């Protein structure tokens, strides 16, 4: 396998991981906001 191919794969994985983390963070924030609204 070429080095450039390996780097591309690593970059791709990193992008997927980053988007998954961002989505879970967004969901956590939305849940917290909903809980605060429901508590009032």
N, C-alpha and C. Protein backbone atom coordinates (compact mmCIF):
# COMPACT_ATOMS: atom_id res chain seq x y z
N UNK A 1 0.84 -1.20 0.00
CA UNK A 1 0.00 0.00 0.00
C UNK A 1 0.88 1.25 0.00
N UNK A 2 0.48 2.23 -0.80
CA UNK A 2 1.25 3.47 -0.86
C UNK A 2 1.01 4.30 0.39
N UNK A 3 2.01 5.10 0.74
CA UNK A 3 1.87 5.96 1.92
C UNK A 3 0.71 6.92 1.77
N UNK A 4 0.59 7.51 0.57
CA UNK A 4 -0.49 8.49 0.34
C UNK A 4 -1.86 7.84 0.53
N UNK A 5 -2.01 6.60 0.08
CA UNK A 5 -3.29 5.89 0.27
C UNK A 5 -3.58 5.71 1.75
N UNK A 6 -2.54 5.35 2.49
CA UNK A 6 -2.70 5.14 3.92
C UNK A 6 -3.13 6.43 4.60
N UNK A 7 -2.49 7.53 4.24
CA UNK A 7 -2.84 8.83 4.82
C UNK A 7 -4.28 9.20 4.48
N UNK A 8 -4.69 8.92 3.24
CA UNK A 8 -6.07 9.23 2.85
C UNK A 8 -7.06 8.44 3.70
N UNK A 9 -6.76 7.16 3.92
CA UNK A 9 -7.65 6.33 4.74
C UNK A 9 -7.72 6.86 6.17
N UNK A 10 -6.56 7.23 6.72
CA UNK A 10 -6.53 7.75 8.09
C UNK A 10 -7.32 9.05 8.18
N UNK A 11 -7.15 9.93 7.19
CA UNK A 11 -7.88 11.19 7.18
C UNK A 11 -9.37 10.95 7.09
N UNK A 12 -9.76 9.98 6.27
CA UNK A 12 -11.18 9.65 6.09
C UNK A 12 -11.78 9.16 7.40
N UNK A 13 -11.06 8.23 8.06
CA UNK A 13 -11.54 7.72 9.35
C UNK A 13 -11.68 8.85 10.35
N UNK A 14 -10.69 9.75 10.36
CA UNK A 14 -10.71 10.85 11.32
C UNK A 14 -11.93 11.74 11.08
N UNK A 15 -12.26 11.98 9.80
CA UNK A 15 -13.43 12.80 9.48
C UNK A 15 -14.71 12.14 9.98
N UNK A 16 -14.82 10.84 9.78
CA UNK A 16 -16.01 10.11 10.22
C UNK A 16 -16.13 10.18 11.74
N UNK A 17 -15.01 9.95 12.43
CA UNK A 17 -15.01 9.99 13.89
C UNK A 17 -15.41 11.38 14.37
N UNK A 18 -14.85 12.42 13.70
CA UNK A 18 -15.16 13.79 14.11
C UNK A 18 -16.65 14.09 13.95
N UNK A 19 -17.24 13.68 12.83
CA UNK A 19 -18.66 13.96 12.61
C UNK A 19 -19.52 13.20 13.62
N UNK A 20 -19.12 11.97 13.96
CA UNK A 20 -19.88 11.20 14.95
C UNK A 20 -19.82 11.88 16.30
N UNK A 21 -18.63 12.37 16.69
CA UNK A 21 -18.47 13.05 17.98
C UNK A 21 -19.32 14.31 17.99
N UNK A 22 -19.27 15.08 16.90
CA UNK A 22 -20.05 16.32 16.83
C UNK A 22 -21.54 16.02 16.94
N UNK A 23 -22.01 14.98 16.27
CA UNK A 23 -23.43 14.64 16.32
C UNK A 23 -23.84 14.24 17.73
N UNK A 24 -23.01 13.45 18.42
CA UNK A 24 -23.36 13.04 19.78
C UNK A 24 -23.37 14.25 20.71
N UNK A 25 -22.42 15.18 20.51
CA UNK A 25 -22.38 16.39 21.33
C UNK A 25 -23.64 17.21 21.09
N UNK A 26 -24.04 17.36 19.83
CA UNK A 26 -25.25 18.12 19.51
C UNK A 26 -26.46 17.49 20.18
N UNK A 27 -26.55 16.16 20.14
CA UNK A 27 -27.68 15.48 20.77
C UNK A 27 -27.67 15.70 22.27
N UNK A 28 -26.50 15.64 22.91
CA UNK A 28 -26.39 15.88 24.35
C UNK A 28 -26.90 17.27 24.68
N UNK A 29 -26.49 18.27 23.89
CA UNK A 29 -26.90 19.65 24.14
C UNK A 29 -28.41 19.78 23.97
N UNK A 30 -28.96 19.18 22.91
CA UNK A 30 -30.40 19.25 22.68
C UNK A 30 -31.17 18.62 23.83
N UNK A 31 -30.69 17.48 24.33
CA UNK A 31 -31.36 16.80 25.44
C UNK A 31 -31.33 17.68 26.68
N UNK A 32 -30.19 18.33 26.95
CA UNK A 32 -30.08 19.20 28.12
C UNK A 32 -31.05 20.37 28.01
N UNK A 33 -31.14 20.96 26.81
CA UNK A 33 -32.06 22.09 26.60
C UNK A 33 -33.50 21.63 26.81
N UNK A 34 -33.85 20.48 26.25
CA UNK A 34 -35.21 19.95 26.41
C UNK A 34 -35.51 19.70 27.88
N UNK A 35 -34.57 19.14 28.61
CA UNK A 35 -34.77 18.87 30.04
C UNK A 35 -35.01 20.17 30.80
N UNK A 36 -34.24 21.21 30.47
CA UNK A 36 -34.41 22.50 31.15
C UNK A 36 -35.79 23.07 30.86
N UNK A 37 -36.25 22.95 29.61
CA UNK A 37 -37.57 23.47 29.23
C UNK A 37 -38.66 22.69 29.98
N UNK A 38 -38.51 21.37 30.06
CA UNK A 38 -39.52 20.54 30.72
C UNK A 38 -39.55 20.79 32.22
N UNK A 39 -38.41 21.12 32.81
CA UNK A 39 -38.35 21.35 34.26
C UNK A 39 -39.09 22.61 34.67
N UNK A 40 -39.19 23.59 33.77
CA UNK A 40 -39.84 24.87 34.12
C UNK A 40 -41.35 24.69 34.31
